[in-house]
Amino acid sequence: MTKMFQPFAEFASIDILDEDLKGITKFCNQTQKNFPSVIKSNSGGYQSSSLFHPTLDKNKPMWNLFSTITKKIANLHRQNELSLPLRLDNFWININKKTHFNVPHSHPCCIFSGVFYVKTPYNSGNFAFYRNIHVYKSTELIKPEENMLILFPAYFDHYVEPNNSNQDRISISFNYIKNNEPQS
């Protein structure tokens, strides 16, 4: 069931999915093993470089995950009364060890962004939306769960609190953009 909420007058959603976490975890660990970490929003931990759609063709659990996400994005898109055609732009793997976190950021040039939680040990840090406009400050904290999908407009500022667990927190983040490819 989708939970809709409006932290800042625009729609975002949270869903608990039923995905193959074992297969997805294997993909995430293999990515970490084969590709070096980059530094973008991560403070410590592993963040893969951007991965693209063809990567999904070779991995059924990931293909299934992004098929579900694409349907959820389409629903959220309709709820926001938008009519632009969208497509997956990129995705990346986040593996945060103890004390690692993601700094405040947004995703410019994208329409929707999101995160799917693969592994969320107890005390591994909340996901947070925030706004800081003049004297108005607002924060919406979300306690991640395994198989949780959070979707939101890409311009929402957000961050992830430090992982205070001794186990890895694993998530997959992604962006959807306007599809400029001709429709057949």
C-alpha atoms as a PDB file:
ATOM      1  CA  MET A   1       0.000   0.000   0.000  1.00  0.00           C
ATOM      2  CA  THR A   2       1.284   3.448  -0.929  1.00  0.00           C
ATOM      3  CA  LYS A   3       1.465   6.084   1.780  1.00  0.00           C
ATOM      4  CA  MET A   4       1.203   9.567   0.290  1.00  0.00           C
ATOM      5  CA  PHE A   5       2.479  12.500   2.291  1.00  0.00           C
ATOM      6  CA  GLN A   6       3.025  16.152   1.623  1.00  0.00           C
ATOM      7  CA  PRO A   7       6.031  17.371   3.577  1.00  0.00           C
ATOM      8  CA  PHE A   8       6.251  20.610   1.605  1.00  0.00           C
ATOM      9  CA  ALA A   9       2.966  20.861  -0.343  1.00  0.00           C
ATOM     10  CA  GLU A  10       4.100  18.494  -3.084  1.00  0.00           C
ATOM     11  CA  PHE A  11       3.509  14.766  -3.190  1.00  0.00           C
ATOM     12  CA  ALA A  12       6.028  12.126  -2.257  1.00  0.00           C
ATOM     13  CA  SER A  13       5.314   8.481  -1.495  1.00  0.00           C
ATOM     14  CA  ILE A  14       6.478   5.556   0.594  1.00  0.00           C
ATOM     15  CA  ASP A  15       5.788   1.934  -0.318  1.00  0.00           C
ATOM     16  CA  ILE A  16       6.859  -1.384   1.143  1.00  0.00           C
ATOM     17  CA  LEU A  17       7.613  -3.655  -1.803  1.00  0.00           C
ATOM     18  CA  ASP A  18       8.116  -7.398  -2.006  1.00  0.00           C
ATOM     19  CA  GLU A  19      11.384  -7.681  -3.941  1.00  0.00           C
ATOM     20  CA  ASP A  20      14.136 -10.314  -4.039  1.00  0.00           C
ATOM     21  CA  LEU A  21      16.413  -8.753  -1.413  1.00  0.00           C
ATOM     22  CA  LYS A  22      18.891 -11.644  -1.562  1.00  0.00           C
ATOM     23  CA  GLY A  23      19.406 -11.188  -5.317  1.00  0.00           C
ATOM     24  CA  ILE A  24      19.511  -7.392  -5.028  1.00  0.00           C
ATOM     25  CA  THR A  25      22.022  -7.569  -2.148  1.00  0.00           C
ATOM     26  CA  LYS A  26      24.212  -9.826  -4.282  1.00  0.00           C
ATOM     27  CA  PHE A  27      24.084  -7.260  -7.117  1.00  0.00           C
ATOM     28  CA  CYS A  28      25.005  -4.429  -4.704  1.00  0.00           C
ATOM     29  CA  ASN A  29      27.942  -6.329  -3.180  1.00  0.00           C
ATOM     30  CA  GLN A  30      29.181  -7.359  -6.647  1.00  0.00           C
ATOM     31  CA  THR A  31      29.017  -3.730  -7.791  1.00  0.00           C
ATOM     32  CA  GLN A  32      31.055  -2.648  -4.775  1.00  0.00           C
ATOM     33  CA  LYS A  33      33.599  -5.369  -5.503  1.00  0.00           C
ATOM     34  CA  ASN A  34      33.949  -4.475  -9.213  1.00  0.00           C
ATOM     35  CA  PHE A  35      33.726  -0.663  -9.233  1.00  0.00           C
ATOM     36  CA  PRO A  36      35.492   1.964  -7.111  1.00  0.00           C
ATOM     37  CA  SER A  37      33.558   4.327  -4.887  1.00  0.00           C
ATOM     38  CA  VAL A  38      32.931   7.909  -5.922  1.00  0.00           C
ATOM     39  CA  ILE A  39      32.340  10.870  -3.645  1.00  0.00           C
ATOM     40  CA  LYS A  40      29.062  12.670  -4.287  1.00  0.00           C
ATOM     41  CA  SER A  41      26.618  12.941  -1.384  1.00  0.00           C
ATOM     42  CA  ASN A  42      28.353  10.303   0.732  1.00  0.00           C
ATOM     43  CA  SER A  43      30.478  11.054   3.757  1.00  0.00           C
ATOM     44  CA  GLY A  44      32.384   7.808   4.069  1.00  0.00           C
ATOM     45  CA  GLY A  45      30.919   4.577   2.844  1.00  0.00           C
ATOM     46  CA  TYR A  46      30.582   3.292  -0.699  1.00  0.00           C
ATOM     47  CA  GLN A  47      28.719   5.051  -3.480  1.00  0.00           C
ATOM     48  CA  SER A  48      28.956   3.567  -6.958  1.00  0.00           C
ATOM     49  CA  SER A  49      29.255   5.726 -10.023  1.00  0.00           C
ATOM     50  CA  SER A  50      26.045   6.056 -12.054  1.00  0.00           C
ATOM     51  CA  LEU A  51      24.711   2.824 -13.470  1.00  0.00           C
ATOM     52  CA  PHE A  52      22.380   2.764 -16.459  1.00  0.00           C
ATOM     53  CA  HIS A  53      19.452   0.803 -17.869  1.00  0.00           C
ATOM     54  CA  PRO A  54      21.488  -1.841 -19.814  1.00  0.00           C
ATOM     55  CA  THR A  55      22.924  -3.016 -16.475  1.00  0.00           C
ATOM     56  CA  LEU A  56      19.421  -4.146 -15.529  1.00  0.00           C
ATOM     57  CA  ASP A  57      19.059  -6.449 -18.542  1.00  0.00           C
ATOM     58  CA  LYS A  58      21.609  -8.838 -17.027  1.00  0.00           C
ATOM     59  CA  ASN A  59      20.078  -9.087 -13.548  1.00  0.00           C
ATOM     60  CA  LYS A  60      16.511 -10.329 -13.021  1.00  0.00           C
ATOM     61  CA  PRO A  61      16.063  -9.083  -9.399  1.00  0.00           C
ATOM     62  CA  MET A  62      17.201  -5.594 -10.442  1.00  0.00           C
ATOM     63  CA  TRP A  63      15.057  -5.693 -13.596  1.00  0.00           C
ATOM     64  CA  ASN A  64      12.021  -6.624 -11.509  1.00  0.00           C
ATOM     65  CA  LEU A  65      12.788  -3.892  -8.969  1.00  0.00           C
ATOM     66  CA  PHE A  66      13.012  -1.161 -11.590  1.00  0.00           C
ATOM     67  CA  SER A  67       9.909  -2.429 -13.392  1.00  0.00           C
ATOM     68  CA  THR A  68       8.021  -1.936 -10.125  1.00  0.00           C
ATOM     69  CA  ILE A  69       9.650   1.456  -9.484  1.00  0.00           C
ATOM     70  CA  THR A  70       8.751   2.660 -12.992  1.00  0.00           C
ATOM     71  CA  LYS A  71       5.078   1.798 -12.362  1.00  0.00           C
ATOM     72  CA  LYS A  72       5.161   3.582  -8.985  1.00  0.00           C
ATOM     73  CA  ILE A  73       6.794   6.643 -10.593  1.00  0.00           C
ATOM     74  CA  ALA A  74       4.025   6.717 -13.230  1.00  0.00           C
ATOM     75  CA  ASN A  75       1.383   6.693 -10.459  1.00  0.00           C
ATOM     76  CA  LEU A  76       3.125   9.475  -8.533  1.00  0.00           C
ATOM     77  CA  HIS A  77       3.525  11.426 -11.778  1.00  0.00           C
ATOM     78  CA  ARG A  78      -0.236  11.236 -12.395  1.00  0.00           C
ATOM     79  CA  GLN A  79      -0.994  12.247  -8.796  1.00  0.00           C
ATOM     80  CA  ASN A  80       1.082  15.390  -9.357  1.00  0.00           C
ATOM     81  CA  GLU A  81      -0.935  16.029 -12.545  1.00  0.00           C
ATOM     82  CA  LEU A  82       2.150  15.960 -14.740  1.00  0.00           C
ATOM     83  CA  SER A  83       2.074  14.683 -18.283  1.00  0.00           C
ATOM     84  CA  LEU A  84       5.724  14.593 -19.325  1.00  0.00           C
ATOM     85  CA  PRO A  85       6.930  11.194 -20.539  1.00  0.00           C
ATOM     86  CA  LEU A  86       9.573   9.921 -18.084  1.00  0.00           C
ATOM     87  CA  ARG A  87      12.391   7.391 -18.200  1.00  0.00           C
ATOM     88  CA  LEU A  88      15.002   6.043 -15.814  1.00  0.00           C
ATOM     89  CA  ASP A  89      18.139   8.153 -16.153  1.00  0.00           C
ATOM     90  CA  ASN A  90      20.546   6.491 -13.731  1.00  0.00           C
ATOM     91  CA  PHE A  91      20.865   4.629 -10.462  1.00  0.00           C
ATOM     92  CA  TRP A  92      23.641   3.954  -7.971  1.00  0.00           C
ATOM     93  CA  ILE A  93      24.436   1.787  -4.973  1.00  0.00           C
ATOM     94  CA  ASN A  94      25.008   3.169  -1.455  1.00  0.00           C
ATOM     95  CA  ILE A  95      26.668   1.014   1.209  1.00  0.00           C
ATOM     96  CA  ASN A  96      27.181   2.876   4.463  1.00  0.00           C
ATOM     97  CA  LYS A  97      29.166   1.421   7.320  1.00  0.00           C
ATOM     98  CA  LYS A  98      29.103   2.679  10.917  1.00  0.00           C
ATOM     99  CA  THR A  99      29.182   6.517  11.174  1.00  0.00           C
ATOM    100  CA  HIS A 100      28.784   6.992   7.396  1.00  0.00           C
ATOM    101  CA  PHE A 101      25.986   9.182   6.048  1.00  0.00           C
ATOM    102  CA  ASN A 102      24.782  11.222   3.068  1.00  0.00           C
ATOM    103  CA  VAL A 103      24.966  15.016   3.215  1.00  0.00           C
ATOM    104  CA  PRO A 104      22.073  17.331   2.286  1.00  0.00           C
ATOM    105  CA  HIS A 105      21.532  17.470  -1.462  1.00  0.00           C
ATOM    106  CA  SER A 106      18.972  17.431  -4.251  1.00  0.00           C
ATOM    107  CA  HIS A 107      18.978  16.096  -7.819  1.00  0.00           C
ATOM    108  CA  PRO A 108      18.932  18.999 -10.303  1.00  0.00           C
ATOM    109  CA  CYS A 109      17.811  18.412 -13.897  1.00  0.00           C
ATOM    110  CA  CYS A 110      15.672  15.425 -12.880  1.00  0.00           C
ATOM    111  CA  ILE A 111      11.913  15.114 -12.405  1.00  0.00           C
ATOM    112  CA  PHE A 112      11.626  12.394  -9.751  1.00  0.00           C
ATOM    113  CA  SER A 113      14.206  10.735  -7.527  1.00  0.00           C
ATOM    114  CA  GLY A 114      13.997   7.958  -5.022  1.00  0.00           C
ATOM    115  CA  VAL A 115      15.673   5.422  -2.824  1.00  0.00           C
ATOM    116  CA  PHE A 116      15.032   1.730  -2.269  1.00  0.00           C
ATOM    117  CA  TYR A 117      16.274   0.234   1.001  1.00  0.00           C
ATOM    118  CA  VAL A 118      17.893  -3.189   0.696  1.00  0.00           C
ATOM    119  CA  LYS A 119      19.369  -3.604   4.193  1.00  0.00           C
ATOM    120  CA  THR A 120      18.444  -1.491   7.214  1.00  0.00           C
ATOM    121  CA  PRO A 121      19.853  -2.735  10.508  1.00  0.00           C
ATOM    122  CA  TYR A 122      18.466  -1.285  13.720  1.00  0.00           C
ATOM    123  CA  ASN A 123      19.779   2.252  14.347  1.00  0.00           C
ATOM    124  CA  SER A 124      21.167   2.649  10.827  1.00  0.00           C
ATOM    125  CA  GLY A 125      19.912   6.236  10.377  1.00  0.00           C
ATOM    126  CA  ASN A 126      16.795   7.991   9.117  1.00  0.00           C
ATOM    127  CA  PHE A 127      16.113   9.428   5.689  1.00  0.00           C
ATOM    128  CA  ALA A 128      15.169  13.116   5.953  1.00  0.00           C
ATOM    129  CA  PHE A 129      13.522  15.741   3.772  1.00  0.00           C
ATOM    130  CA  TYR A 130      14.196  19.294   4.843  1.00  0.00           C
ATOM    131  CA  ARG A 131      13.480  22.884   3.894  1.00  0.00           C
ATOM    132  CA  ASN A 132      15.255  25.932   5.230  1.00  0.00           C
ATOM    133  CA  ILE A 133      13.682  29.036   3.731  1.00  0.00           C
ATOM    134  CA  HIS A 134      14.319  32.260   5.666  1.00  0.00           C
ATOM    135  CA  VAL A 135      12.788  31.643   9.097  1.00  0.00           C
ATOM    136  CA  TYR A 136      10.722  28.640   7.958  1.00  0.00           C
ATOM    137  CA  LYS A 137      12.416  25.345   8.721  1.00  0.00           C
ATOM    138  CA  SER A 138      10.846  21.928   8.294  1.00  0.00           C
ATOM    139  CA  THR A 139      12.141  18.378   8.471  1.00  0.00           C
ATOM    140  CA  GLU A 140      10.317  15.124   7.752  1.00  0.00           C
ATOM    141  CA  LEU A 141      12.144  12.054   9.125  1.00  0.00           C
ATOM    142  CA  ILE A 142      11.469   8.596   7.713  1.00  0.00           C
ATOM    143  CA  LYS A 143      12.739   5.464   9.438  1.00  0.00           C
ATOM    144  CA  PRO A 144      13.836   3.154   6.606  1.00  0.00           C
ATOM    145  CA  GLU A 145      12.799  -0.487   6.466  1.00  0.00           C
ATOM    146  CA  GLU A 146      14.001  -3.253   4.215  1.00  0.00           C
ATOM    147  CA  ASN A 147      12.033  -3.267   0.942  1.00  0.00           C
ATOM    148  CA  MET A 148      10.988   0.383   1.496  1.00  0.00           C
ATOM    149  CA  LEU A 149      10.686   2.606  -1.575  1.00  0.00           C
ATOM    150  CA  ILE A 150      10.661   6.400  -1.128  1.00  0.00           C
ATOM    151  CA  LEU A 151       9.782   8.514  -4.203  1.00  0.00           C
ATOM    152  CA  PHE A 152       9.882  12.306  -4.343  1.00  0.00           C
ATOM    153  CA  PRO A 153      10.262  15.303  -6.644  1.00  0.00           C
ATOM    154  CA  ALA A 154      13.972  15.550  -7.453  1.00  0.00           C
ATOM    155  CA  TYR A 155      14.320  19.117  -6.179  1.00  0.00           C
ATOM    156  CA  PHE A 156      13.440  18.074  -2.591  1.00  0.00           C
ATOM    157  CA  ASP A 157      16.466  18.626  -0.370  1.00  0.00           C
ATOM    158  CA  HIS A 158      17.231  15.469   1.573  1.00  0.00           C
ATOM    159  CA  TYR A 159      19.935  13.645   3.514  1.00  0.00           C
ATOM    160  CA  VAL A 160      20.524  10.404   5.390  1.00  0.00           C
ATOM    161  CA  GLU A 161      21.566  10.370   9.020  1.00  0.00           C
ATOM    162  CA  PRO A 162      24.688   8.493  10.161  1.00  0.00           C
ATOM    163  CA  ASN A 163      24.559   4.726  10.402  1.00  0.00           C
ATOM    164  CA  ASN A 164      25.024   3.959  14.099  1.00  0.00           C
ATOM    165  CA  SER A 165      24.799   0.214  13.559  1.00  0.00           C
ATOM    166  CA  ASN A 166      27.780  -2.122  13.273  1.00  0.00           C
ATOM    167  CA  GLN A 167      26.223  -3.550  10.090  1.00  0.00           C
ATOM    168  CA  ASP A 168      26.081  -2.054   6.595  1.00  0.00           C
ATOM    169  CA  ARG A 169      23.066  -0.030   5.481  1.00  0.00           C
ATOM    170  CA  ILE A 170      22.451  -0.747   1.770  1.00  0.00           C
ATOM    171  CA  SER A 171      20.261   1.310  -0.532  1.00  0.00           C
ATOM    172  CA  ILE A 172      19.791   2.010  -4.222  1.00  0.00           C
ATOM    173  CA  SER A 173      19.109   5.576  -5.338  1.00  0.00           C
ATOM    174  CA  PHE A 174      17.864   6.656  -8.762  1.00  0.00           C
ATOM    175  CA  ASN A 175      16.637   9.493 -10.966  1.00  0.00           C
ATOM    176  CA  TYR A 176      13.894   9.746 -13.572  1.00  0.00           C
ATOM    177  CA  ILE A 177      14.064  12.420 -16.261  1.00  0.00           C
ATOM    178  CA  LYS A 178      11.978  13.667 -19.161  1.00  0.00           C
ATOM    179  CA  ASN A 179      12.009  11.131 -21.989  1.00  0.00           C
ATOM    180  CA  ASN A 180      13.077  13.009 -25.121  1.00  0.00           C
ATOM    181  CA  GLU A 181      13.163   9.880 -27.241  1.00  0.00           C
ATOM    182  CA  PRO A 182      10.523   9.763 -30.011  1.00  0.00           C
ATOM    183  CA  GLN A 183       7.441   7.759 -29.060  1.00  0.00           C
ATOM    184  CA  SER A 184       6.748   4.821 -31.398  1.00  0.00           C
END
